[in-house]
N, C-alpha and C. Protein backbone atom coordinates (compact mmCIF):
# COMPACT_ATOMS: atom_id res chain seq x y z
N MET A 1 -10.74 39.57 99.77
CA MET A 1 -9.51 40.14 98.83
C MET A 1 -9.64 41.62 98.84
N GLU A 2 -10.79 42.04 98.67
CA GLU A 2 -11.02 43.54 98.72
C GLU A 2 -10.40 44.24 99.94
N GLN A 3 -10.62 43.77 101.03
CA GLN A 3 -9.96 44.34 102.27
C GLN A 3 -8.53 44.36 102.05
N LEU A 4 -7.83 43.41 101.68
CA LEU A 4 -6.50 43.42 101.49
C LEU A 4 -5.94 44.33 100.56
N ILE A 5 -6.64 44.42 99.39
CA ILE A 5 -6.24 45.44 98.43
C ILE A 5 -6.47 46.90 98.94
N ASN A 6 -7.49 47.25 99.68
CA ASN A 6 -7.58 48.43 100.41
C ASN A 6 -6.57 48.65 101.38
N LEU A 7 -6.18 47.81 102.10
CA LEU A 7 -5.07 47.91 103.09
C LEU A 7 -3.78 48.24 102.42
N VAL A 8 -3.47 47.60 101.29
CA VAL A 8 -2.20 48.00 100.51
C VAL A 8 -2.42 49.43 100.03
N VAL A 9 -3.55 49.79 99.56
CA VAL A 9 -3.76 51.22 98.95
C VAL A 9 -3.42 52.06 100.14
N GLN A 10 -4.10 51.94 101.28
CA GLN A 10 -3.94 52.85 102.52
C GLN A 10 -2.48 52.95 102.94
N ARG A 11 -1.90 51.89 103.08
CA ARG A 11 -0.48 51.91 103.51
C ARG A 11 0.60 52.37 102.62
N THR A 12 0.30 52.16 101.39
CA THR A 12 1.39 52.34 100.34
C THR A 12 1.14 53.78 99.55
N GLY A 13 -0.22 54.07 99.50
CA GLY A 13 -0.57 55.24 98.68
C GLY A 13 -0.62 54.96 97.16
N ILE A 14 -0.52 53.66 96.87
CA ILE A 14 -0.43 53.44 95.30
C ILE A 14 -2.00 53.28 94.99
N SER A 15 -2.33 53.34 93.69
CA SER A 15 -3.70 53.24 93.01
C SER A 15 -4.28 51.81 93.55
N PRO A 16 -5.66 51.80 93.59
CA PRO A 16 -6.25 50.54 93.65
C PRO A 16 -5.95 49.53 92.57
N THR A 17 -5.81 49.91 91.38
CA THR A 17 -5.37 48.90 90.37
C THR A 17 -3.96 48.36 90.56
N GLN A 18 -3.00 49.35 91.00
CA GLN A 18 -1.58 48.80 91.29
C GLN A 18 -1.63 47.88 92.52
N ALA A 19 -2.46 48.24 93.51
CA ALA A 19 -2.60 47.33 94.70
C ALA A 19 -3.23 46.03 94.28
N GLN A 20 -4.11 45.88 93.47
CA GLN A 20 -4.73 44.68 93.07
C GLN A 20 -3.54 43.78 92.26
N GLN A 21 -2.83 44.60 91.50
CA GLN A 21 -1.70 43.78 90.83
C GLN A 21 -0.86 43.20 91.78
N ALA A 22 -0.41 43.96 92.68
CA ALA A 22 0.55 43.55 93.63
C ALA A 22 0.08 42.44 94.45
N VAL A 23 -1.14 42.49 94.91
CA VAL A 23 -1.84 41.43 95.67
C VAL A 23 -1.81 40.12 94.81
N GLN A 24 -2.22 40.26 93.49
CA GLN A 24 -2.31 39.24 92.57
C GLN A 24 -0.97 38.53 92.41
N THR A 25 0.10 39.37 92.25
CA THR A 25 1.48 38.83 92.13
C THR A 25 1.85 38.01 93.16
N VAL A 26 1.82 38.66 94.43
CA VAL A 26 2.17 37.88 95.69
C VAL A 26 1.37 36.66 95.93
N PHE A 27 0.10 36.80 95.71
CA PHE A 27 -0.63 35.52 95.92
C PHE A 27 -0.40 34.50 94.89
N GLY A 28 -0.16 34.85 93.58
CA GLY A 28 0.25 33.89 92.71
C GLY A 28 1.50 33.20 92.94
N TYR A 29 2.57 33.97 93.42
CA TYR A 29 3.72 33.47 93.90
C TYR A 29 3.63 32.45 95.11
N LEU A 30 2.80 32.77 96.02
CA LEU A 30 2.67 31.91 97.21
C LEU A 30 1.88 30.63 96.68
N ARG A 31 0.94 30.76 95.83
CA ARG A 31 0.12 29.62 95.40
C ARG A 31 0.99 28.78 94.63
N ASP A 32 2.00 29.12 93.95
CA ASP A 32 2.94 28.26 93.20
C ASP A 32 4.00 27.53 94.11
N LYS A 33 4.40 28.21 95.19
CA LYS A 33 5.37 27.80 95.99
C LYS A 33 4.84 26.98 97.26
N LEU A 34 3.66 27.09 97.66
CA LEU A 34 3.22 26.44 98.74
C LEU A 34 2.51 25.25 98.44
N PRO A 35 2.43 24.15 99.25
CA PRO A 35 1.76 22.95 99.01
C PRO A 35 0.27 23.23 98.91
N GLY A 36 -0.41 22.43 97.92
CA GLY A 36 -1.75 22.55 97.58
C GLY A 36 -2.67 22.99 98.83
N PRO A 37 -2.75 22.12 99.88
CA PRO A 37 -3.63 22.41 100.91
C PRO A 37 -3.26 23.71 101.80
N LEU A 38 -2.10 24.11 101.82
CA LEU A 38 -1.69 25.33 102.48
C LEU A 38 -2.04 26.53 101.64
N ALA A 39 -1.89 26.31 100.26
CA ALA A 39 -2.34 27.43 99.30
C ALA A 39 -3.89 27.59 99.42
N THR A 40 -4.60 26.57 99.63
CA THR A 40 -6.10 26.62 99.71
C THR A 40 -6.40 27.41 101.03
N GLN A 41 -5.72 27.16 102.12
CA GLN A 41 -5.88 27.78 103.31
C GLN A 41 -5.63 29.23 103.19
N VAL A 42 -4.60 29.65 102.49
CA VAL A 42 -4.20 31.00 102.15
C VAL A 42 -5.44 31.81 101.46
N GLU A 43 -5.88 30.98 100.39
CA GLU A 43 -7.01 31.55 99.79
C GLU A 43 -8.23 31.76 100.53
N ASN A 44 -8.49 30.95 101.48
CA ASN A 44 -9.74 30.99 102.22
C ASN A 44 -9.41 32.07 103.30
N ALA A 45 -8.21 32.41 103.83
CA ALA A 45 -7.96 33.26 104.80
C ALA A 45 -8.27 34.68 104.23
N ILE A 46 -7.87 34.97 103.03
CA ILE A 46 -7.98 36.28 102.43
C ILE A 46 -9.16 36.41 101.55
N GLY A 47 -9.99 35.49 101.64
CA GLY A 47 -11.35 35.54 101.06
C GLY A 47 -11.19 35.52 99.35
N ALA A 48 -10.10 34.62 99.08
CA ALA A 48 -9.83 34.59 97.48
C ALA A 48 -10.87 33.82 96.77
N GLN A 49 -11.56 32.80 97.39
CA GLN A 49 -12.51 32.01 96.84
C GLN A 49 -13.75 32.68 96.64
N GLN A 50 -14.26 33.05 95.41
CA GLN A 50 -15.68 33.62 95.27
C GLN A 50 -16.08 32.98 94.06
N GLY A 51 -17.15 32.29 94.27
CA GLY A 51 -17.86 31.70 93.18
C GLY A 51 -17.23 30.53 92.34
N GLY A 52 -16.31 30.02 93.24
CA GLY A 52 -15.47 28.89 92.75
C GLY A 52 -14.44 29.20 91.75
N LYS A 53 -14.22 30.43 91.42
CA LYS A 53 -13.37 30.83 90.43
C LYS A 53 -11.90 31.03 91.05
N GLY A 54 -11.84 31.51 92.24
CA GLY A 54 -10.68 31.81 92.96
C GLY A 54 -10.26 33.29 92.50
N MET A 55 -9.31 33.89 93.34
CA MET A 55 -8.96 35.25 93.19
C MET A 55 -8.34 35.50 91.81
N MET A 56 -7.30 34.67 91.43
CA MET A 56 -6.61 34.99 90.23
C MET A 56 -7.45 34.85 88.94
N GLY A 57 -8.56 33.92 88.85
CA GLY A 57 -9.31 34.00 87.73
C GLY A 57 -10.16 35.11 87.62
N GLN A 58 -10.79 35.54 88.85
CA GLN A 58 -11.72 36.70 88.82
C GLN A 58 -10.97 37.93 88.54
N SER A 59 -9.80 38.17 89.08
CA SER A 59 -9.03 39.39 88.85
C SER A 59 -8.63 39.56 87.40
N GLN A 60 -8.00 38.41 86.96
CA GLN A 60 -7.74 38.47 85.53
C GLN A 60 -8.83 38.61 84.52
N GLN A 61 -9.94 38.18 84.85
CA GLN A 61 -11.03 38.37 84.06
C GLN A 61 -11.58 39.84 84.08
N SER A 62 -11.44 40.60 85.13
CA SER A 62 -11.84 41.96 85.32
C SER A 62 -10.72 42.80 84.74
N LEU A 63 -9.52 42.46 84.89
CA LEU A 63 -8.43 43.43 84.51
C LEU A 63 -7.68 42.95 83.07
N GLY A 64 -8.04 41.88 82.71
CA GLY A 64 -7.34 41.24 81.39
C GLY A 64 -5.92 40.76 81.71
N ASP A 65 -5.20 40.51 80.78
CA ASP A 65 -3.86 40.00 81.03
C ASP A 65 -2.92 41.28 81.35
N LEU A 66 -2.30 41.07 82.49
CA LEU A 66 -1.53 42.24 82.95
C LEU A 66 -0.12 41.88 82.80
N GLY A 67 0.33 41.89 81.58
CA GLY A 67 1.71 41.86 81.20
C GLY A 67 2.26 40.53 81.30
N GLY A 68 1.48 39.43 81.01
CA GLY A 68 1.87 38.14 81.10
C GLY A 68 1.72 37.37 82.35
N MET A 69 0.84 38.13 83.29
CA MET A 69 0.59 37.51 84.56
C MET A 69 -0.60 36.40 84.49
N THR A 70 -1.13 36.23 83.30
CA THR A 70 -2.32 35.28 83.13
C THR A 70 -1.81 33.75 83.38
N ARG A 71 -2.46 33.04 84.26
CA ARG A 71 -2.24 31.63 84.37
C ARG A 71 -3.28 30.74 83.71
N PRO A 72 -2.77 29.67 83.19
CA PRO A 72 -3.73 28.91 82.47
C PRO A 72 -4.89 28.48 83.39
N GLN A 73 -6.20 28.31 82.91
CA GLN A 73 -7.35 28.00 83.84
C GLN A 73 -7.44 26.41 83.80
């Protein structure tokens, strides 16, 4: 996931925190809209699964609730 965040920072010029929020938002949207197995493949492709928590849980834990973006665990 870190590589994707860095890519967004480089290509857009936004801060790492903003890039992380953008990646979280897009990934959360995709996870909600895609069938379960496909969402899992997307997680695996971007390295979102770390320590069994997944990207959203880890990012929310480190950044806190970002304006209501928190998903129930």
